[in-house]
Protein backbone atom coordinates (compact mmCIF):
# COMPACT_ATOMS: atom_id res chain seq x y z
CA MET A 1 58.83 -25.09 -76.76
CA THR A 2 55.12 -24.55 -76.07
CA ARG A 3 53.93 -25.17 -72.53
CA PRO A 4 50.82 -27.43 -72.41
CA ARG A 5 47.72 -25.43 -71.52
CA THR A 6 45.59 -26.23 -68.52
CA THR A 7 41.81 -26.00 -68.71
CA ALA A 8 40.11 -22.62 -68.67
CA LEU A 9 38.82 -23.40 -65.17
CA ALA A 10 42.31 -24.20 -63.89
CA GLU A 11 43.68 -21.06 -65.54
CA SER A 12 41.15 -18.99 -63.59
CA LEU A 13 42.19 -20.37 -60.18
CA PRO A 14 45.02 -19.18 -57.93
CA ALA A 15 47.81 -21.59 -57.04
CA THR A 16 46.92 -21.93 -53.39
CA VAL A 17 46.03 -24.32 -50.60
CA PRO A 18 43.42 -23.76 -47.87
CA PHE A 19 46.00 -23.81 -45.06
CA VAL A 20 49.68 -23.01 -44.67
CA GLY A 21 51.09 -25.88 -42.62
CA PRO A 22 53.24 -25.41 -39.52
CA GLU A 23 56.07 -27.21 -41.31
CA THR A 24 56.13 -24.46 -43.94
CA LEU A 25 56.34 -21.82 -41.22
CA GLU A 26 59.08 -23.76 -39.44
CA ARG A 27 61.16 -23.89 -42.63
CA GLN A 28 60.70 -20.15 -43.10
CA ARG A 29 61.69 -19.47 -39.49
CA GLY A 30 64.56 -21.95 -39.41
CA HIS A 31 63.49 -23.77 -36.25
CA PRO A 32 60.53 -25.73 -34.87
CA PHE A 33 57.65 -24.47 -32.76
CA ALA A 34 57.73 -25.07 -29.03
CA ALA A 35 53.96 -25.63 -28.97
CA ARG A 36 51.96 -26.89 -31.96
CA LEU A 37 48.54 -25.54 -31.01
CA GLY A 38 47.07 -24.56 -34.34
CA ALA A 39 46.42 -27.65 -36.43
CA ASN A 40 43.56 -29.19 -34.40
CA GLU A 41 45.29 -32.56 -34.36
CA SER A 42 45.09 -34.67 -31.24
CA VAL A 43 48.41 -34.11 -29.51
CA PHE A 44 47.38 -36.98 -27.24
CA GLY A 45 47.90 -39.28 -30.20
CA PRO A 46 46.48 -42.74 -30.86
CA SER A 47 46.25 -45.44 -28.21
CA GLN A 48 48.87 -48.13 -27.62
CA ARG A 49 46.43 -50.59 -29.15
CA VAL A 50 46.43 -48.54 -32.35
CA LEU A 51 50.22 -48.22 -32.38
CA GLU A 52 50.47 -51.99 -32.06
CA ALA A 53 48.13 -52.38 -35.03
CA ILE A 54 50.28 -49.96 -37.05
CA ARG A 55 53.43 -51.90 -36.21
CA ALA A 56 51.77 -55.19 -37.14
CA ALA A 57 50.59 -53.78 -40.47
CA ALA A 58 53.88 -52.06 -41.36
CA PRO A 59 55.56 -55.10 -43.02
CA GLU A 60 52.68 -55.19 -45.54
CA ALA A 61 52.74 -51.45 -46.22
CA TRP A 62 54.27 -52.15 -49.64
CA MET A 63 50.96 -53.65 -50.82
CA TYR A 64 47.96 -51.68 -51.96
CA GLY A 65 45.24 -51.34 -49.38
CA ASP A 66 41.95 -53.17 -49.80
CA PRO A 67 40.16 -50.97 -52.37
CA GLU A 68 36.81 -51.64 -50.66
CA SER A 69 38.11 -51.00 -47.12
CA HIS A 70 35.91 -54.03 -46.42
CA ASP A 71 36.76 -54.69 -42.78
CA LEU A 72 36.72 -51.04 -41.78
CA ARG A 73 33.50 -50.36 -43.66
CA HIS A 74 31.72 -53.29 -41.98
CA ALA A 75 33.07 -52.32 -38.55
CA LEU A 76 31.83 -48.76 -39.03
CA ALA A 77 28.44 -50.01 -40.15
CA ALA A 78 28.11 -52.18 -37.04
CA HIS A 79 29.24 -49.29 -34.83
CA LEU A 80 26.70 -46.89 -36.37
CA GLY A 81 23.85 -49.38 -36.72
CA VAL A 82 23.61 -49.04 -40.50
CA ALA A 83 24.20 -51.34 -43.48
CA SER A 84 27.71 -51.66 -44.92
CA ASP A 85 26.59 -50.19 -48.25
CA GLU A 86 25.49 -47.04 -46.41
CA VAL A 87 29.08 -46.20 -45.43
CA VAL A 88 32.13 -45.32 -47.52
CA ALA A 89 35.66 -44.74 -46.21
CA GLY A 90 37.99 -42.23 -47.78
CA GLU A 91 41.06 -40.06 -47.39
CA GLY A 92 39.79 -37.95 -44.54
CA ILE A 93 36.83 -35.60 -44.69
CA ASP A 94 38.85 -33.43 -47.05
CA GLY A 95 38.94 -36.17 -49.67
CA LEU A 96 35.28 -37.08 -49.20
CA LEU A 97 34.25 -33.43 -49.59
CA GLY A 98 36.02 -33.39 -52.92
CA TYR A 99 34.16 -36.50 -54.07
CA LEU A 100 30.81 -35.05 -52.99
CA VAL A 101 31.39 -31.82 -54.88
CA ARG A 102 32.53 -33.74 -57.94
CA LEU A 103 29.40 -35.90 -57.81
CA TYR A 104 26.83 -33.14 -57.37
CA ALA A 105 28.19 -29.69 -58.22
CA GLY A 106 29.52 -28.97 -61.68
CA PRO A 107 30.15 -25.69 -63.51
CA GLY A 108 27.35 -23.23 -62.82
CA ASP A 109 25.69 -25.28 -60.06
CA SER A 110 24.94 -23.46 -56.82
CA VAL A 111 26.47 -24.44 -53.48
CA VAL A 112 25.86 -22.73 -50.12
CA THR A 113 28.14 -22.42 -47.11
CA SER A 114 28.89 -20.01 -44.26
CA ASP A 115 31.38 -17.19 -44.77
CA GLY A 116 34.41 -18.20 -42.74
CA ALA A 117 33.51 -21.90 -42.40
CA TYR A 118 35.95 -24.71 -43.20
CA PRO A 119 37.74 -23.47 -46.36
CA THR A 120 38.65 -26.84 -47.88
CA PHE A 121 35.03 -27.27 -48.96
CA ASN A 122 35.22 -23.94 -50.82
CA TYR A 123 38.50 -25.07 -52.40
CA HIS A 124 36.78 -28.10 -53.92
CA VAL A 125 33.79 -26.06 -55.07
CA ALA A 126 36.09 -23.67 -56.92
CA GLY A 127 38.07 -26.58 -58.37
CA PHE A 128 34.99 -28.10 -59.96
CA GLY A 129 33.61 -24.80 -61.19
CA ALA A 130 30.47 -24.53 -59.07
CA GLU A 131 29.10 -21.23 -57.80
CA LEU A 132 29.54 -20.59 -54.07
CA THR A 133 27.10 -18.52 -52.02
CA ARG A 134 28.21 -17.54 -48.51
CA VAL A 135 25.99 -16.47 -45.63
CA PRO A 136 27.29 -14.81 -42.45
CA TYR A 137 27.58 -16.42 -39.05
CA ARG A 138 25.04 -15.39 -36.45
CA ASP A 139 26.18 -15.08 -32.83
CA ASP A 140 29.42 -16.90 -33.70
CA ARG A 141 27.49 -19.92 -35.00
CA GLU A 142 26.56 -21.12 -38.44
CA ASP A 143 23.04 -19.94 -39.24
CA PRO A 144 20.77 -22.80 -40.43
CA GLU A 145 17.92 -20.45 -41.32
CA ALA A 146 20.14 -18.27 -43.50
CA LEU A 147 21.65 -21.33 -45.16
CA LEU A 148 18.18 -22.66 -46.02
CA GLN A 149 17.06 -19.30 -47.37
CA ALA A 150 20.15 -18.99 -49.55
CA ALA A 151 19.74 -22.56 -50.81
CA SER A 152 16.12 -21.92 -51.75
CA ALA A 153 16.97 -18.65 -53.49
CA THR A 154 19.83 -20.13 -55.54
CA GLY A 155 18.58 -23.67 -56.16
CA ALA A 156 21.63 -25.04 -54.36
CA LYS A 157 22.74 -28.62 -54.94
CA LEU A 158 24.80 -28.76 -51.72
CA ILE A 159 24.53 -27.01 -48.33
CA TYR A 160 27.60 -27.28 -46.11
CA LEU A 161 27.23 -27.15 -42.33
CA ALA A 162 29.75 -28.24 -39.71
CA ASN A 163 28.33 -29.23 -36.33
CA PRO A 164 30.33 -28.61 -34.15
CA ASP A 165 31.84 -25.80 -36.15
CA ASN A 166 35.40 -25.03 -37.16
CA PRO A 167 36.75 -22.36 -36.64
CA MET A 168 34.47 -21.00 -33.90
CA GLY A 169 33.96 -24.18 -31.85
CA SER A 170 30.22 -23.50 -31.59
CA TRP A 171 27.47 -26.04 -32.07
CA HIS A 172 23.74 -26.55 -32.52
CA ALA A 173 21.56 -29.06 -30.70
CA ALA A 174 20.29 -32.07 -32.63
CA ALA A 175 16.77 -30.63 -32.67
CA VAL A 176 17.98 -27.61 -34.64
CA ILE A 177 19.67 -29.84 -37.23
CA ASP A 178 16.61 -32.09 -37.45
CA ASP A 179 14.44 -29.05 -38.13
CA MET A 180 16.84 -27.94 -40.84
CA ILE A 181 16.76 -31.39 -42.45
CA ALA A 182 12.95 -31.36 -42.44
CA ARG A 183 12.98 -28.09 -44.41
CA LEU A 184 15.68 -28.82 -46.96
CA PRO A 185 14.76 -27.55 -50.44
CA GLU A 186 13.93 -30.18 -53.02
CA GLY A 187 17.07 -31.50 -54.69
CA ALA A 188 19.50 -30.12 -52.11
CA ILE A 189 21.89 -32.26 -50.06
CA LEU A 190 22.92 -31.24 -46.56
CA VAL A 191 26.63 -31.98 -46.17
CA LEU A 192 26.82 -32.39 -42.39
CA ASP A 193 30.46 -32.28 -41.29
CA GLU A 194 30.74 -33.91 -37.85
CA ALA A 195 34.52 -34.02 -37.54
CA TYR A 196 34.38 -32.89 -33.89
CA VAL A 197 31.24 -34.67 -32.79
CA GLU A 198 33.05 -36.92 -30.28
CA PHE A 199 33.85 -33.82 -28.20
CA ALA A 200 30.34 -32.36 -28.25
CA PRO A 201 27.46 -32.65 -25.76
CA GLU A 202 25.30 -35.74 -26.07
CA ASP A 203 22.38 -33.93 -27.71
CA THR A 204 24.46 -32.50 -30.59
CA ALA A 205 24.21 -35.22 -33.25
CA PRO A 206 20.79 -36.16 -34.66
CA ALA A 207 19.94 -39.84 -35.04
CA ILE A 208 21.36 -41.24 -38.27
CA ASP A 209 18.66 -41.75 -40.90
CA THR A 210 20.05 -43.46 -43.98
CA ALA A 211 16.62 -43.51 -45.64
CA ASN A 212 16.96 -39.79 -46.39
CA PRO A 213 18.95 -39.17 -49.61
CA GLN A 214 19.24 -35.47 -48.80
CA VAL A 215 21.72 -35.85 -45.92
CA VAL A 216 25.33 -37.05 -45.99
CA ARG A 217 27.13 -37.27 -42.64
CA LEU A 218 30.94 -36.95 -42.60
CA ARG A 219 33.13 -38.10 -39.73
CA THR A 220 36.83 -38.68 -39.20
CA PHE A 221 39.55 -40.50 -37.29
CA SER A 222 41.74 -37.37 -37.41
CA LYS A 223 40.52 -35.69 -34.23
CA ALA A 224 39.42 -37.75 -31.22
CA HIS A 225 41.15 -40.92 -32.44
CA GLY A 226 44.50 -39.20 -33.04
CA LEU A 227 45.03 -40.33 -36.64
CA ALA A 228 45.20 -37.03 -38.55
CA GLY A 229 48.25 -38.14 -40.54
CA MET A 230 46.65 -41.44 -41.51
CA ARG A 231 43.91 -39.67 -43.51
CA VAL A 232 40.87 -41.76 -42.63
CA GLY A 233 37.34 -40.41 -42.84
CA TYR A 234 33.95 -41.83 -43.68
CA ALA A 235 30.62 -40.77 -45.11
CA VAL A 236 27.25 -42.18 -44.02
CA GLY A 237 24.10 -41.82 -46.08
CA GLU A 238 21.39 -43.37 -48.22
CA ARG A 239 22.79 -46.34 -50.15
CA GLY A 240 22.14 -44.82 -53.57
CA VAL A 241 24.06 -41.70 -52.62
CA ILE A 242 26.89 -43.74 -51.11
CA ARG A 243 27.02 -45.92 -54.25
CA GLY A 244 27.77 -42.77 -56.21
CA PHE A 245 31.17 -42.48 -54.52
CA GLU A 246 32.20 -45.76 -56.20
CA LYS A 247 32.02 -44.03 -59.60
CA ILE A 248 34.67 -41.44 -58.90
CA ARG A 249 36.63 -42.14 -55.71
CA ASN A 250 40.29 -43.19 -55.59
CA HIS A 251 39.83 -46.87 -54.79
CA PHE A 252 43.44 -47.22 -53.64
CA GLY A 253 43.50 -44.01 -51.62
CA MET A 254 43.38 -45.84 -48.28
CA SER A 255 46.57 -47.65 -47.29
CA ARG A 256 46.66 -50.99 -45.49
CA VAL A 257 48.27 -49.34 -42.49
CA SER A 258 45.63 -46.59 -42.21
CA GLN A 259 42.81 -49.13 -42.47
CA ALA A 260 44.36 -51.28 -39.73
CA ALA A 261 44.91 -48.23 -37.51
CA ALA A 262 41.33 -47.04 -37.92
CA LEU A 263 39.95 -50.50 -37.11
CA ALA A 264 41.96 -50.62 -33.90
CA ALA A 265 40.96 -47.06 -32.98
CA LEU A 266 37.27 -47.77 -33.48
CA ALA A 267 37.51 -50.74 -31.12
CA ASP A 268 39.38 -48.87 -28.37
CA ARG A 269 36.56 -47.04 -26.63
CA ASP A 270 38.56 -46.61 -23.42
CA TRP A 271 41.13 -44.46 -25.23
CA LEU A 272 38.37 -42.32 -26.71
CA THR A 273 37.03 -41.73 -23.19
CA HIS A 274 40.54 -40.80 -22.04
CA VAL A 275 41.07 -38.31 -24.89
CA ARG A 276 37.70 -36.68 -24.25
CA ALA A 277 38.69 -36.09 -20.65
CA GLU A 278 42.09 -34.67 -21.65
CA VAL A 279 40.44 -32.33 -24.15
CA ALA A 280 37.87 -31.13 -21.62
CA ALA A 281 40.64 -30.37 -19.12
CA ALA A 282 42.70 -28.57 -21.78
CA ARG A 283 39.72 -26.48 -22.87
CA ASP A 284 39.22 -25.36 -19.28
CA ARG A 285 42.94 -24.53 -18.97
CA ILE A 286 43.00 -22.51 -22.23
CA ALA A 287 39.87 -20.64 -21.16
CA GLY A 288 41.46 -19.80 -17.81
CA ILE A 289 44.66 -18.57 -19.45
CA ALA A 290 42.63 -16.33 -21.76
CA ARG A 291 40.46 -14.87 -19.00
CA ALA A 292 43.50 -14.12 -16.85
CA ARG A 293 44.71 -11.80 -19.61
CA GLY A 294 41.38 -10.09 -20.21
CA LEU A 295 40.43 -12.13 -23.28
CA LEU A 296 37.12 -13.93 -23.80
CA PRO A 297 37.14 -17.69 -24.54
CA LEU A 298 34.11 -18.75 -26.56
CA PRO A 299 32.17 -21.90 -25.57
CA SER A 300 33.61 -24.89 -27.44
CA ALA A 301 32.41 -28.37 -28.34
CA THR A 302 35.65 -29.20 -30.17
CA ASN A 303 39.31 -29.90 -29.41
CA PHE A 304 40.20 -26.20 -29.57
CA VAL A 305 39.12 -22.93 -27.97
CA THR A 306 38.47 -19.81 -30.01
CA ILE A 307 39.46 -16.71 -28.07
CA ASP A 308 37.86 -13.33 -28.67
CA CYS A 309 40.68 -10.76 -28.57
CA GLY A 310 38.12 -7.97 -28.34
CA ARG A 311 39.82 -5.44 -30.61
CA GLY A 312 39.14 -6.42 -34.22
CA ALA A 313 40.97 -8.36 -36.90
CA GLU A 314 44.10 -6.20 -37.04
CA PHE A 315 44.86 -6.73 -33.36
CA ALA A 316 44.06 -10.47 -33.53
CA ARG A 317 46.42 -10.84 -36.50
CA ALA A 318 49.14 -8.95 -34.65
CA LEU A 319 48.70 -11.15 -31.57
CA LEU A 320 48.89 -14.28 -33.67
CA GLY A 321 52.10 -13.03 -35.25
CA GLU A 322 53.63 -12.26 -31.88
CA LEU A 323 52.75 -15.74 -30.59
CA VAL A 324 54.28 -17.34 -33.68
CA ALA A 325 57.40 -15.23 -33.14
CA ARG A 326 57.59 -16.78 -29.66
CA ASP A 327 57.36 -20.33 -31.03
CA ILE A 328 53.63 -20.84 -30.33
CA PHE A 329 51.78 -22.05 -33.42
CA VAL A 330 48.11 -20.99 -33.38
CA ARG A 331 45.66 -19.92 -36.08
CA MET A 332 42.83 -17.44 -36.47
CA PRO A 333 39.49 -17.51 -38.32
CA PHE A 334 39.60 -16.04 -41.82
CA ALA A 335 36.37 -14.04 -42.06
CA ALA A 336 34.64 -11.32 -40.06
CA PRO A 337 33.43 -11.26 -37.38
CA GLY A 338 35.38 -14.39 -36.40
CA ASN A 339 38.67 -12.79 -37.40
CA ARG A 340 38.63 -10.80 -34.16
CA CYS A 341 39.69 -14.12 -32.57
CA ILE A 342 42.59 -16.52 -32.36
CA ARG A 343 42.10 -20.30 -32.17
CA VAL A 344 44.12 -22.50 -29.81
CA SER A 345 44.12 -26.29 -30.03
CA CYS A 346 44.01 -28.41 -26.90
CA GLY A 347 47.50 -29.42 -25.81
CA ARG A 348 49.37 -31.26 -23.12
CA PRO A 349 50.33 -29.41 -19.93
CA ALA A 350 53.83 -28.49 -21.15
CA GLU A 351 52.46 -26.99 -24.37
CA LEU A 352 49.83 -25.01 -22.51
CA ASP A 353 52.52 -23.86 -20.07
CA ALA A 354 54.44 -22.46 -23.05
CA PHE A 355 51.30 -20.73 -24.35
CA GLU A 356 50.56 -19.27 -20.91
CA ALA A 357 54.10 -17.91 -20.63
CA ALA A 358 54.12 -16.43 -24.13
CA LEU A 359 50.65 -14.85 -24.12
CA PRO A 360 51.26 -11.82 -21.86
CA VAL A 361 54.49 -10.95 -23.71
CA ALA A 362 52.76 -11.38 -27.08
CA LEU A 363 49.84 -9.24 -25.93
CA ALA A 364 52.16 -6.45 -24.80
CA ALA A 365 54.00 -6.56 -28.12
CA ALA A 366 50.75 -6.53 -30.11
CA GLU A 367 49.46 -3.60 -28.08
CA GLY A 368 52.71 -1.71 -28.52
CA GLY A 369 52.60 -2.36 -32.29
């Protein structure tokens, strides 16, 4: 029997995913983690108002969701001060990134990103056959100038920039992003990933300008709103660009329950204020734990803290392994020079207690190894 052949592009790709989930590691280890501090979810969860909306929507979960996400789309538009046809909802930023790449970057097209930045974007670029150019970080931040230069040199269709950044937690002020937008090469789109913007200083996000077809802003309910598992994100941009999503998106990708949850989350501003305060306190706690053990916490505008282990990638990888062995799930950046670090998500006091207890033992084991 002859096995059906995949496309030449698919044949050239490895069978991989951008991240190995904590569940996979738990199955391999045979028991759960004591502290889940690596996935950048909000351990503080959604508000009671959101949980009530989920419960109310659950009896209708058997039905397809509204393919237009009409109510959510209009609520987002009102919240952002844009028109409803300048917003599209989708299955998290991950799904929307895939749609953007599919729309604009085919085989042979150039795309620019930072080496070590969010790898799911790269995964989509490879999947659609585009050519990826990577530029290095500068001072642990994405480098707008280098991104622009690479885009100009390669004729890039898309330029990916996360602000604030994952995995380093760094950020640029709005003025820096505005300057970058003003100098975008003709024909290039800035894919501005703002997944963590709710945790950032007030002057981080530029004003939204939907008249500019060269900028697409991506945001999510996964982080500050506590709905990572619901898979709800949205893109904001010029209406012609947003209309393009209708050609290729999965119109039934958003469930009724996730739409109802996102609507309730958007309306609950008090919970968002609460989560911001919890995250700020947790960042301070993680930074203090790191400093007490001679490690350097990097400034963060996200819901995690990236910690400079100070001894290169091999030591950082060993420390991560020792923490995992002690039931503390954390991650580390993939590319140099960020791979000298580990990354710890904000947690509740009990989870950070577990991290604080495990860190000195893990450090000693990593040093001994």
